[in-house]
Amino acid sequence: MHKPLLVTDFLDRARKHYGDDEAVVATTGERFTYDELGERADRFAAALQDRGIEKGDRVAVLDPNTHYHLAAAYGTMQAGAIHTPLNYRLTPDDFSYMLEDAGVDAIYADSEYADRIDPIRDEVPTETFITNDVDAVEGGAWDAFDDVLEAAGTEYDRPEMSEDEIVTINYTSGTTGDPKGVCRTHRAETLHAYLIATHQEISDDDVYLWTLPMFHVNGWGHIYAITGMGAKHVCTRGVDAGDVFEAVRAEDVSYLCGAPTVLNMLIDYYGEHDPETTGANDVRIATAGSAPPEATIRTVEDEFGWYLKHVYGATETGPLITTSDARRKFDDDDSDRFAIKKRQGLGYLGTEVRVVDEDGTDVARDDASIGEIVVRGNQVMEKYWNKPEETEEAFTDRVEGYYHTGDLAVVDENGMISIQDRKKDIIISGGENISSIELEDTLFDHPEVSDVAVVPAPSEEWGETPKAFVVPANGDPDDPSVTTDELVEFTRDNLAGYKAVREVEFVEELPTTATGKVQKYELRQEEWEDEDRMVGQG
């Protein structure tokens, strides 16, 4: 028989079987059962419908990892609207583009970030503005979340939904031009949640700590999987190493996720303060982004006593499509396991991950032949929002019907992939994607910059960090007409803080081809010549 796969089933199941069990530990200190979380979602759905939100309308959520985000996300989806989470680290101009592009009708914004929406209220189609703390927000009129819930009641009309309908739009970081809205269906989200429940070994007695942003592809699908399994969410308002260790101990956390930069923060804190690293439960942690160095994995596993899983993917792919957690390939007490855990690994169940050359032919499993990673699976996106040409290109470049990641990798004899470089000009710093093109465009606007190229440079803290090679306007790299600090501040003033250039090297000229195209590969090679890979590994 066929049963439609709908993301609303996850909270429905939790309410049915775990209604009296604790569901959420809020950043405010409040605790909610699944019945209580479900009621808040019902009330948010009713409030949206009271304000004219209909099936298919877009509702944005701009929020760190709080209980408000969970209630707003499920309330939006229960009303048949499309959940559109936003990266809270962006600028008003970024938000203006996304809200306009998606045609967002309503937004919930945490009070700490609502001031980034106020300057653009008149520029976007959004008419409903809700926040958690009205008194903390200056500017235009906002409705108070809890007052909205109380007034709405619990009755709403859940429309008939199809598994092939779009349920969420997740915006990319704009690494190749304007950000693209990744459209994901009920079916894709559901099957991805099933996959991470399996590969990340999620069970109903898990206690999950939200160090991974919920806006990142719906928290890598954990807003669904943790909920559907009846496990517990422990919310945060950002990553503070001391708070993480305290939460792990006090709440008996068993599972968390974090980019390699988060691992480094925890290791640094551990070295200085020697905190307890576990509570009553064993701890496992998933990391993605740039591959962590072996020393990092060794500290996490041998000193923290945690079990590390290295996973890989992209916003367009769910995100998760591979895992290094192949335990038949290593022994838990064998130091050789670190080399395996650094790899992006094997494809998830039902996921076809290939590494192909320019002709679309699979490269040899010799751990040396480089090709592009392409993937086909039920968790891969439906399309880019209102971008048919970009959608077609993403699925047809080298191999028809596969999503092309732009990541270049090798494959070993077991079929485990290992990324070597990136086809696109993307810098992954602390788990965030940064466009070198966007940084170059910004720096070109500075009157004292004649020419510039931005590449990733190795960083022990962030894995990799943006470095700019700048030809100064006066042509003298030894006595440039602008300082490094001035250029760093210029990018910080014009972009989200995490996108700012961190290093600047003044040069007389940039390496170019005969046709004048800058050869970034030479610059990257220069920066990474002492590293094992040309992607950040600390």
Protein backbone atom coordinates (compact mmCIF):
# COMPACT_ATOMS: atom_id res chain seq x y z
CA MET A 1 0.00 0.00 0.00
CA HIS A 2 1.04 3.62 -0.37
CA LYS A 3 0.99 6.07 2.52
CA PRO A 4 1.93 9.69 1.78
CA LEU A 5 5.16 10.80 3.47
CA LEU A 6 4.41 14.06 5.30
CA VAL A 7 6.66 15.92 7.74
CA THR A 8 3.69 16.63 9.98
CA ASP A 9 3.74 12.92 10.86
CA PHE A 10 6.85 13.41 13.02
CA LEU A 11 5.21 15.62 15.63
CA ASP A 12 1.95 13.65 15.33
CA ARG A 13 3.80 10.46 16.26
CA ALA A 14 5.59 12.08 19.17
CA ARG A 15 2.32 13.43 20.57
CA LYS A 16 0.64 10.05 20.19
CA HIS A 17 3.31 7.98 21.93
CA TYR A 18 5.35 10.46 24.01
CA GLY A 19 2.81 13.16 24.85
CA ASP A 20 3.64 13.25 28.57
CA ASP A 21 7.41 12.96 28.05
CA GLU A 22 9.75 15.90 28.06
CA ALA A 23 10.31 17.16 24.52
CA VAL A 24 12.15 20.47 24.80
CA VAL A 25 14.49 22.12 27.28
CA ALA A 26 14.21 25.81 26.39
CA THR A 27 16.91 28.45 26.62
CA THR A 28 14.59 30.30 29.03
CA GLY A 29 14.70 27.40 31.48
CA GLU A 30 11.18 26.28 30.61
CA ARG A 31 10.49 22.64 29.81
CA PHE A 32 7.81 21.38 27.47
CA THR A 33 6.32 17.94 26.92
CA TYR A 34 5.41 16.77 23.44
CA ASP A 35 1.76 17.52 24.18
CA GLU A 36 2.75 21.07 25.12
CA LEU A 37 4.99 21.53 22.08
CA GLY A 38 2.18 20.19 19.92
CA GLU A 39 -0.31 22.63 21.39
CA ARG A 40 2.02 25.54 20.72
CA ALA A 41 2.41 24.39 17.11
CA ASP A 42 -1.39 24.11 16.79
CA ARG A 43 -1.82 27.64 18.12
CA PHE A 44 0.82 29.02 15.76
CA ALA A 45 -0.93 27.33 12.83
CA ALA A 46 -4.23 28.86 13.92
CA ALA A 47 -2.62 32.29 14.31
CA LEU A 48 -1.19 32.13 10.79
CA GLN A 49 -4.55 31.17 9.32
CA ASP A 50 -6.21 33.98 11.29
CA ARG A 51 -3.80 36.33 9.51
CA GLY A 52 -4.70 35.02 6.07
CA ILE A 53 -1.85 32.56 5.56
CA GLU A 54 -2.96 29.81 3.19
CA LYS A 55 -1.54 26.57 1.91
CA GLY A 56 1.63 27.19 -0.09
CA ASP A 57 2.34 30.62 1.40
CA ARG A 58 5.87 31.14 2.69
CA VAL A 59 6.57 31.78 6.37
CA ALA A 60 10.10 32.75 7.40
CA VAL A 61 11.73 31.91 10.72
CA LEU A 62 14.73 33.96 11.85
CA ASP A 63 15.79 32.44 15.12
CA PRO A 64 18.67 30.74 16.90
CA ASN A 65 18.04 27.28 18.30
CA THR A 66 15.10 28.00 20.58
CA HIS A 67 11.76 26.40 21.40
CA TYR A 68 10.11 29.21 19.43
CA HIS A 69 11.78 27.95 16.26
CA LEU A 70 10.44 24.42 16.74
CA ALA A 71 6.88 25.60 17.42
CA ALA A 72 6.94 28.05 14.50
CA ALA A 73 8.34 25.47 12.08
CA TYR A 74 5.78 22.79 12.92
CA GLY A 75 2.95 25.33 13.14
CA THR A 76 3.83 26.61 9.68
CA MET A 77 3.90 23.14 8.17
CA GLN A 78 0.68 22.05 9.91
CA ALA A 79 -1.05 25.02 8.30
CA GLY A 80 0.15 23.82 4.90
CA ALA A 81 2.53 26.77 4.49
CA ILE A 82 6.16 26.55 3.43
CA HIS A 83 8.74 26.82 6.20
CA THR A 84 11.53 29.23 5.16
CA PRO A 85 14.30 29.38 7.80
CA LEU A 86 16.84 32.20 7.52
CA ASN A 87 20.47 32.42 8.55
CA TYR A 88 20.46 34.85 11.48
CA ARG A 89 24.07 35.88 10.76
CA LEU A 90 23.18 37.73 7.56
CA THR A 91 22.59 41.43 6.86
CA PRO A 92 19.35 43.37 6.17
CA ASP A 93 20.21 43.41 2.44
CA ASP A 94 20.54 39.60 2.47
CA PHE A 95 17.17 39.26 4.20
CA SER A 96 15.56 41.71 1.80
CA TYR A 97 16.63 39.60 -1.17
CA MET A 98 15.43 36.33 0.36
CA LEU A 99 12.08 37.63 1.63
CA GLU A 100 11.38 39.23 -1.76
CA ASP A 101 12.62 36.24 -3.76
CA ALA A 102 10.48 33.75 -1.83
CA GLY A 103 7.52 36.11 -1.54
CA VAL A 104 7.41 35.57 2.21
CA ASP A 105 4.03 36.50 3.71
CA ALA A 106 4.88 36.27 7.42
CA ILE A 107 7.98 36.15 9.58
CA TYR A 108 8.80 35.11 13.10
CA ALA A 109 12.04 36.80 14.18
CA ASP A 110 13.82 36.42 17.49
CA SER A 111 14.05 39.78 19.26
CA GLU A 112 17.85 39.74 19.02
CA TYR A 113 17.63 39.75 15.22
CA ALA A 114 14.39 41.63 14.55
CA ASP A 115 16.32 44.90 14.15
CA ARG A 116 17.75 43.47 10.92
CA ILE A 117 14.24 43.13 9.52
CA ASP A 118 12.91 46.57 10.55
CA PRO A 119 15.03 48.53 8.00
CA ILE A 120 13.57 46.54 5.10
CA ARG A 121 9.92 46.21 6.15
CA ASP A 122 8.71 48.53 3.41
CA GLU A 123 10.74 46.72 0.73
CA VAL A 124 9.40 43.19 1.21
CA PRO A 125 5.98 41.57 0.68
CA THR A 126 5.80 40.43 4.31
CA GLU A 127 2.80 41.72 6.27
CA THR A 128 2.90 39.69 9.49
CA PHE A 129 5.76 40.32 11.93
CA ILE A 130 6.00 38.25 15.12
CA THR A 131 8.75 38.23 17.75
CA ASN A 132 9.29 36.67 21.16
CA ASP A 133 10.00 39.91 23.07
CA VAL A 134 8.25 43.01 21.77
CA ASP A 135 9.78 45.27 24.42
CA ALA A 136 13.29 44.41 23.21
CA VAL A 137 12.57 45.44 19.62
CA GLU A 138 12.68 49.02 18.42
CA GLY A 139 11.14 50.19 15.20
CA GLY A 140 7.94 48.99 13.56
CA ALA A 141 5.04 47.16 15.15
CA TRP A 142 5.59 43.53 16.11
CA ASP A 143 3.17 40.97 17.57
CA ALA A 144 4.28 39.06 20.66
CA PHE A 145 4.61 35.32 20.03
CA ASP A 146 3.06 34.13 23.29
CA ASP A 147 0.22 36.66 23.07
CA VAL A 148 -0.43 35.53 19.51
CA LEU A 149 -0.64 31.90 20.65
CA GLU A 150 -2.95 32.67 23.54
CA ALA A 151 -5.35 34.64 21.36
CA ALA A 152 -5.38 32.12 18.52
CA GLY A 153 -6.71 29.05 20.30
CA THR A 154 -5.87 25.52 19.19
CA GLU A 155 -8.36 25.03 16.34
CA TYR A 156 -7.00 25.25 12.81
CA ASP A 157 -7.70 23.60 9.47
CA ARG A 158 -4.95 21.23 8.39
CA PRO A 159 -5.24 21.15 4.60
CA GLU A 160 -4.83 18.02 2.53
CA MET A 161 -1.17 17.73 1.60
CA SER A 162 0.78 15.67 -0.94
CA GLU A 163 4.23 14.21 -0.35
CA ASP A 164 5.41 15.80 -3.61
CA GLU A 165 4.56 19.33 -2.52
CA ILE A 166 7.24 21.74 -1.35
CA VAL A 167 7.30 22.09 2.44
CA THR A 168 10.50 24.04 3.02
CA ILE A 169 12.80 26.48 1.21
CA ASN A 170 16.37 26.64 2.48
CA TYR A 171 18.56 29.39 1.09
CA THR A 172 22.14 28.69 0.12
CA SER A 173 24.89 31.07 1.16
CA GLY A 174 25.08 32.80 -2.20
CA THR A 175 28.44 31.30 -3.09
CA THR A 176 27.89 31.68 -6.83
CA GLY A 177 25.89 34.87 -7.16
CA ASP A 178 22.60 35.52 -5.41
CA PRO A 179 21.46 32.98 -2.80
CA LYS A 180 19.33 30.20 -4.23
CA GLY A 181 16.21 28.85 -2.55
CA VAL A 182 16.52 25.07 -2.29
CA CYS A 183 13.04 23.56 -2.53
CA ARG A 184 12.45 20.37 -0.57
CA THR A 185 9.32 18.26 -0.55
CA HIS A 186 7.55 16.40 2.24
CA ARG A 187 8.87 13.19 0.73
CA ALA A 188 12.48 14.33 0.54
CA GLU A 189 12.48 15.67 4.10
CA THR A 190 10.81 12.54 5.44
CA LEU A 191 13.17 10.09 3.78
CA HIS A 192 16.19 12.15 4.79
CA ALA A 193 14.97 12.07 8.40
CA TYR A 194 14.59 8.29 8.16
CA LEU A 195 18.16 8.07 6.88
CA ILE A 196 19.71 10.13 9.65
CA ALA A 197 17.66 8.28 12.25
CA THR A 198 19.36 5.13 10.95
CA HIS A 199 22.89 6.32 10.27
CA GLN A 200 23.07 8.64 13.29
CA GLU A 201 21.47 5.93 15.45
CA ILE A 202 18.76 8.16 16.90
CA SER A 203 16.51 6.55 19.51
CA ASP A 204 13.74 7.72 21.82
CA ASP A 205 16.06 7.99 24.83
CA ASP A 206 18.46 10.32 23.04
CA VAL A 207 19.08 13.79 24.45
CA TYR A 208 20.07 16.03 21.55
CA LEU A 209 21.97 19.29 22.13
CA TRP A 210 21.31 21.95 19.49
CA THR A 211 24.78 23.27 18.68
CA LEU A 212 24.04 22.97 14.95
CA PRO A 213 21.91 25.89 13.63
CA MET A 214 18.31 24.90 13.00
CA PHE A 215 18.35 27.09 9.87
CA HIS A 216 21.03 24.86 8.29
CA VAL A 217 18.79 22.65 6.14
CA ASN A 218 16.38 22.34 9.05
CA GLY A 219 19.20 21.40 11.38
CA TRP A 220 20.36 18.64 9.02
CA GLY A 221 16.86 17.20 9.37
CA HIS A 222 17.08 16.86 13.15
CA ILE A 223 13.97 18.96 13.75
CA TYR A 224 12.17 16.00 12.19
CA ALA A 225 14.16 12.95 13.27
CA ILE A 226 14.62 13.88 16.94
CA THR A 227 10.94 14.80 17.18
CA GLY A 228 9.62 11.76 15.34
CA MET A 229 11.65 9.37 17.49
CA GLY A 230 10.32 10.99 20.66
CA ALA A 231 13.79 12.09 21.80
CA LYS A 232 14.57 15.28 23.72
CA HIS A 233 15.67 18.64 22.27
CA VAL A 234 18.02 20.77 24.39
CA CYS A 235 17.98 24.28 22.90
CA THR A 236 20.78 26.87 22.81
CA ARG A 237 21.30 30.45 21.65
CA GLY A 238 24.69 29.82 20.10
CA VAL A 239 27.81 27.83 20.87
CA ASP A 240 29.69 28.58 24.07
CA ALA A 241 32.17 25.82 24.93
CA GLY A 242 31.63 26.05 28.66
CA ASP A 243 27.86 25.96 28.23
CA VAL A 244 28.14 22.94 25.94
CA PHE A 245 30.06 20.90 28.48
CA GLU A 246 27.70 22.00 31.25
CA ALA A 247 24.64 21.04 29.20
CA VAL A 248 26.18 17.66 28.33
CA ARG A 249 26.71 17.00 32.03
CA ALA A 250 23.53 18.52 33.46
CA GLU A 251 21.08 17.26 30.80
CA ASP A 252 22.82 13.91 30.16
CA VAL A 253 23.25 14.79 26.49
CA SER A 254 23.89 11.78 24.28
CA TYR A 255 24.15 13.34 20.82
CA LEU A 256 25.19 16.64 19.23
CA CYS A 257 26.54 17.97 15.95
CA GLY A 258 29.20 20.52 15.18
CA ALA A 259 31.56 21.78 12.50
CA PRO A 260 35.29 21.22 13.04
CA THR A 261 35.54 24.76 14.41
CA VAL A 262 33.14 23.77 17.19
CA LEU A 263 35.34 20.77 17.96
CA ASN A 264 38.34 23.10 18.20
CA MET A 265 36.48 25.43 20.58
CA LEU A 266 35.62 22.49 22.81
CA ILE A 267 39.19 21.18 22.73
CA ASP A 268 40.62 24.57 23.67
CA TYR A 269 38.19 24.92 26.57
CA TYR A 270 38.87 21.37 27.71
CA GLY A 271 42.62 22.04 27.76
CA GLU A 272 42.18 25.12 29.93
CA HIS A 273 39.37 24.03 32.29
CA ASP A 274 39.30 20.20 32.31
CA PRO A 275 35.48 19.99 32.52
CA GLU A 276 33.46 16.81 32.86
CA THR A 277 32.71 15.62 29.35
CA THR A 278 29.75 13.31 29.92
CA GLY A 279 26.70 12.95 32.07
CA ALA A 280 24.83 9.69 32.57
CA ASN A 281 24.85 8.90 28.83
CA ASP A 282 27.57 8.02 26.37
CA VAL A 283 28.06 10.84 23.85
CA ARG A 284 28.39 10.73 20.08
CA ILE A 285 29.01 13.75 17.86
CA ALA A 286 28.59 14.28 14.13
CA THR A 287 30.82 16.71 12.26
CA ALA A 288 30.81 17.93 8.67
CA GLY A 289 32.34 20.66 6.56
CA SER A 290 36.12 20.57 6.26
CA ALA A 291 37.57 17.26 7.39
CA PRO A 292 38.84 17.47 10.97
CA PRO A 293 42.52 16.63 11.47
CA GLU A 294 43.42 13.33 13.08
CA ALA A 295 44.60 15.11 16.24
CA THR A 296 41.13 16.62 16.68
CA ILE A 297 39.37 13.27 16.28
CA ARG A 298 41.84 11.66 18.66
CA THR A 299 41.18 14.25 21.38
CA VAL A 300 37.40 14.02 20.99
CA GLU A 301 37.38 10.24 21.16
CA ASP A 302 40.29 9.38 23.46
CA GLU A 303 40.09 12.29 25.92
CA PHE A 304 36.44 13.40 25.81
CA GLY A 305 35.29 9.79 25.50
CA TRP A 306 32.88 10.70 22.71
CA TYR A 307 32.26 8.76 19.48
CA LEU A 308 32.74 10.87 16.33
CA LYS A 309 30.91 10.44 13.03
CA HIS A 310 32.11 12.41 10.01
CA VAL A 311 29.29 13.10 7.53
CA TYR A 312 29.03 15.05 4.29
CA GLY A 313 26.50 16.75 2.07
CA ALA A 314 25.12 20.06 0.83
CA THR A 315 21.97 22.14 1.26
CA GLU A 316 20.74 20.72 -2.04
CA THR A 317 21.22 17.11 -0.90
CA GLY A 318 19.28 17.04 2.30
CA PRO A 319 22.10 17.62 3.35
CA LEU A 320 23.56 14.30 4.47
CA ILE A 321 24.59 11.75 1.84
CA THR A 322 27.73 10.03 3.19
CA THR A 323 29.25 8.85 6.45
CA SER A 324 32.69 7.69 7.55
CA ASP A 325 31.07 5.54 10.23
CA ALA A 326 31.91 2.21 8.60
CA ARG A 327 32.81 0.12 11.63
CA ARG A 328 33.67 -3.03 9.72
CA LYS A 329 36.54 -1.04 8.22
CA PHE A 330 38.24 -0.16 11.53
CA ASP A 331 38.55 -1.21 15.16
CA ASP A 332 37.45 1.25 17.85
CA ASP A 333 40.79 0.93 19.64
CA ASP A 334 42.93 1.09 16.48
CA SER A 335 44.64 4.39 15.69
CA ASP A 336 44.15 3.65 11.98
CA ARG A 337 40.49 4.56 12.47
CA PHE A 338 41.37 8.27 12.43
CA ALA A 339 42.48 8.14 8.79
CA ILE A 340 39.14 6.56 7.85
CA LYS A 341 37.09 8.97 9.94
CA LYS A 342 38.68 11.91 8.14
CA ARG A 343 37.17 10.71 4.87
CA GLN A 344 33.71 11.81 3.77
CA GLY A 345 33.01 8.09 3.49
CA LEU A 346 30.32 5.84 2.08
CA GLY A 347 26.93 6.74 0.65
CA TYR A 348 23.87 6.61 2.89
CA LEU A 349 21.26 3.91 2.34
CA GLY A 350 19.40 4.41 -0.92
CA THR A 351 21.87 7.09 -1.97
CA GLU A 352 23.96 6.75 -5.10
CA VAL A 353 27.17 8.72 -4.68
CA ARG A 354 29.59 8.71 -7.60
CA VAL A 355 32.87 10.44 -8.45
CA VAL A 356 33.04 11.09 -12.19
CA ASP A 357 35.47 12.62 -14.65
CA GLU A 358 34.56 15.34 -17.15
CA ASP A 359 33.01 12.75 -19.46
CA GLY A 360 30.74 11.43 -16.71
CA THR A 361 32.73 8.20 -16.28
CA ASP A 362 33.39 6.89 -12.78
CA VAL A 363 37.00 7.42 -11.74
CA ALA A 364 39.14 4.47 -10.69
CA ARG A 365 39.05 3.33 -7.07
CA ASP A 366 42.74 4.05 -6.70
CA ASP A 367 42.55 6.90 -4.17
CA ALA A 368 44.36 9.07 -6.70
CA SER A 369 42.10 9.75 -9.69
CA ILE A 370 40.13 12.96 -9.09
CA GLY A 371 36.57 13.61 -10.23
CA GLU A 372 33.46 15.53 -9.23
CA ILE A 373 31.03 14.11 -6.67
CA VAL A 374 27.55 13.62 -8.10
CA VAL A 375 24.62 12.16 -6.19
CA ARG A 376 21.18 10.71 -6.76
CA GLY A 377 18.86 9.97 -3.86
CA ASN A 378 15.41 10.52 -2.44
CA GLN A 379 16.74 13.22 -0.09
CA VAL A 380 18.03 15.45 -2.91
CA MET A 381 16.21 18.73 -3.57
CA GLU A 382 13.31 19.15 -5.98
CA LYS A 383 14.58 22.35 -7.58
CA TYR A 384 15.81 25.88 -6.98
CA TRP A 385 13.01 28.34 -6.27
CA ASN A 386 12.22 30.33 -9.45
CA LYS A 387 15.55 29.36 -11.05
CA PRO A 388 14.85 26.77 -13.77
CA GLU A 389 18.14 27.30 -15.65
CA GLU A 390 20.24 26.85 -12.52
CA THR A 391 18.19 23.77 -11.64
CA GLU A 392 18.79 22.19 -15.03
CA GLU A 393 22.52 22.91 -14.87
CA ALA A 394 22.81 21.39 -11.39
CA PHE A 395 21.35 18.09 -12.63
CA THR A 396 22.84 17.81 -16.14
CA ASP A 397 26.46 19.03 -16.19
CA ARG A 398 28.48 15.79 -16.31
CA VAL A 399 25.81 13.13 -15.72
CA GLU A 400 22.10 13.47 -16.47
CA GLY A 401 19.82 13.14 -13.44
CA TYR A 402 22.46 13.54 -10.72
CA TYR A 403 23.00 16.58 -8.52
CA HIS A 404 26.49 17.95 -9.15
CA THR A 405 28.12 19.03 -5.90
CA GLY A 406 31.10 20.90 -7.33
CA ASP A 407 33.36 19.04 -4.88
CA LEU A 408 36.33 17.14 -6.29
CA ALA A 409 37.28 13.85 -4.66
CA VAL A 410 39.09 10.53 -4.93
CA VAL A 411 37.71 7.08 -4.11
CA ASP A 412 39.50 4.25 -2.32
CA GLU A 413 39.13 0.50 -2.89
CA ASN A 414 36.16 0.35 -0.49
CA GLY A 415 34.29 3.10 -2.29
CA MET A 416 34.96 5.67 0.43
CA ILE A 417 35.30 9.17 -0.96
CA SER A 418 37.73 11.84 0.20
CA ILE A 419 37.38 15.44 -0.96
CA GLN A 420 40.56 16.94 -2.41
CA ASP A 421 39.49 20.33 -3.71
CA ARG A 422 36.44 22.29 -4.80
CA LYS A 423 35.25 23.06 -8.26
CA LYS A 424 33.42 26.15 -7.07
CA ASP A 425 35.01 29.14 -5.42
CA ILE A 426 33.67 28.34 -1.97
CA ILE A 427 35.45 28.84 1.31
CA ILE A 428 34.10 26.75 4.20
CA SER A 429 35.09 28.56 7.37
CA GLY A 430 33.79 27.19 10.65
CA GLY A 431 31.05 25.28 8.82
CA GLU A 432 29.78 28.41 6.99
CA ASN A 433 29.99 28.78 3.22
CA ILE A 434 31.68 32.00 2.09
CA SER A 435 31.80 33.12 -1.53
CA SER A 436 35.21 34.26 -2.72
CA ILE A 437 33.41 35.98 -5.59
CA GLU A 438 31.26 38.01 -3.20
CA LEU A 439 34.35 39.03 -1.22
CA GLU A 440 36.20 40.01 -4.39
CA ASP A 441 33.26 42.10 -5.58
CA THR A 442 33.18 43.89 -2.24
CA LEU A 443 36.92 44.56 -2.19
CA PHE A 444 36.80 45.82 -5.78
CA ASP A 445 34.50 48.58 -4.49
CA HIS A 446 37.31 49.96 -2.36
CA PRO A 447 38.99 52.84 -4.21
CA GLU A 448 42.48 51.71 -3.21
CA VAL A 449 42.10 48.19 -4.64
CA SER A 450 43.18 47.73 -8.25
CA ASP A 451 42.82 43.97 -8.52
CA VAL A 452 42.05 41.15 -6.09
CA ALA A 453 41.64 37.38 -5.80
CA VAL A 454 40.30 35.61 -2.70
CA VAL A 455 41.15 32.01 -1.85
CA PRO A 456 40.88 29.81 1.24
CA ALA A 457 43.92 29.78 3.51
CA PRO A 458 44.58 27.17 6.22
CA SER A 459 43.33 28.07 9.70
CA GLU A 460 43.81 26.02 12.86
CA GLU A 461 40.70 27.62 14.37
CA TRP A 462 38.29 27.64 11.43
CA GLY A 463 39.62 24.92 9.10
CA GLU A 464 40.07 27.54 6.42
CA THR A 465 39.67 31.29 6.26
CA PRO A 466 39.34 33.90 3.48
CA LYS A 467 42.62 35.40 2.26
CA ALA A 468 42.80 38.22 -0.27
CA PHE A 469 45.67 38.78 -2.68
CA VAL A 470 45.41 42.48 -3.43
CA VAL A 471 47.05 44.62 -6.09
CA PRO A 472 46.97 48.09 -4.51
CA ALA A 473 45.85 51.08 -6.54
CA ASN A 474 49.27 52.71 -6.26
CA GLY A 475 50.89 49.55 -7.63
CA ASP A 476 53.38 49.26 -4.76
CA PRO A 477 52.88 46.10 -2.62
CA ASP A 478 55.69 47.19 -0.31
CA ASP A 479 54.04 50.54 0.48
CA PRO A 480 50.36 50.10 -0.45
CA SER A 481 47.87 52.93 -0.41
CA VAL A 482 45.63 51.00 2.00
CA THR A 483 46.27 48.85 5.08
CA THR A 484 45.26 45.29 5.84
CA ASP A 485 43.14 46.46 8.79
CA GLU A 486 41.28 48.95 6.58
CA LEU A 487 40.39 46.24 4.07
CA VAL A 488 39.31 43.81 6.79
CA GLU A 489 37.03 46.46 8.27
CA PHE A 490 35.72 47.40 4.82
CA THR A 491 34.53 43.84 4.19
CA ARG A 492 33.14 43.59 7.72
CA ASP A 493 31.15 46.81 7.21
CA ASN A 494 29.64 45.62 3.93
CA LEU A 495 29.03 41.92 4.55
CA ALA A 496 27.91 39.61 7.33
CA GLY A 497 30.70 39.44 9.92
CA TYR A 498 31.63 35.83 9.29
CA LYS A 499 32.24 36.59 5.61
CA ALA A 500 34.90 39.24 6.28
CA VAL A 501 38.35 38.65 4.84
CA ARG A 502 40.80 37.63 7.58
CA GLU A 503 44.16 37.81 5.79
CA VAL A 504 45.53 40.16 3.10
CA GLU A 505 48.69 39.85 1.04
CA PHE A 506 49.67 42.73 -1.23
CA VAL A 507 51.13 41.69 -4.57
CA GLU A 508 52.39 43.43 -7.70
CA GLU A 509 50.19 41.32 -9.97
CA LEU A 510 47.97 38.24 -9.94
CA PRO A 511 48.81 35.07 -11.89
CA THR A 512 46.71 34.93 -15.05
CA THR A 513 46.20 32.83 -18.15
CA ALA A 514 47.00 34.09 -21.63
CA THR A 515 43.44 35.38 -21.87
CA GLY A 516 43.72 37.29 -18.58
CA LYS A 517 41.77 34.91 -16.33
CA VAL A 518 43.14 34.82 -12.79
CA GLN A 519 44.64 31.42 -11.95
CA LYS A 520 43.32 30.95 -8.43
CA TYR A 521 44.62 27.41 -8.42
CA GLU A 522 48.17 28.72 -8.20
CA LEU A 523 47.28 30.90 -5.22
CA ARG A 524 45.48 28.05 -3.46
CA GLN A 525 48.39 25.73 -4.14
CA GLU A 526 50.77 28.27 -2.63
CA GLU A 527 48.65 28.55 0.52
CA TRP A 528 48.18 24.80 0.98
CA GLU A 529 51.58 23.46 -0.09
CA ASP A 530 52.35 22.32 3.46
CA GLU A 531 48.92 20.67 3.94
CA ASP A 532 47.70 17.16 3.06
CA ARG A 533 44.64 18.46 1.22
CA MET A 534 43.63 21.64 -0.55
CA VAL A 535 40.66 22.05 1.77
CA GLY A 536 40.88 23.13 5.36
CA GLN A 537 41.91 20.48 7.83
CA GLY A 538 43.27 22.66 10.60
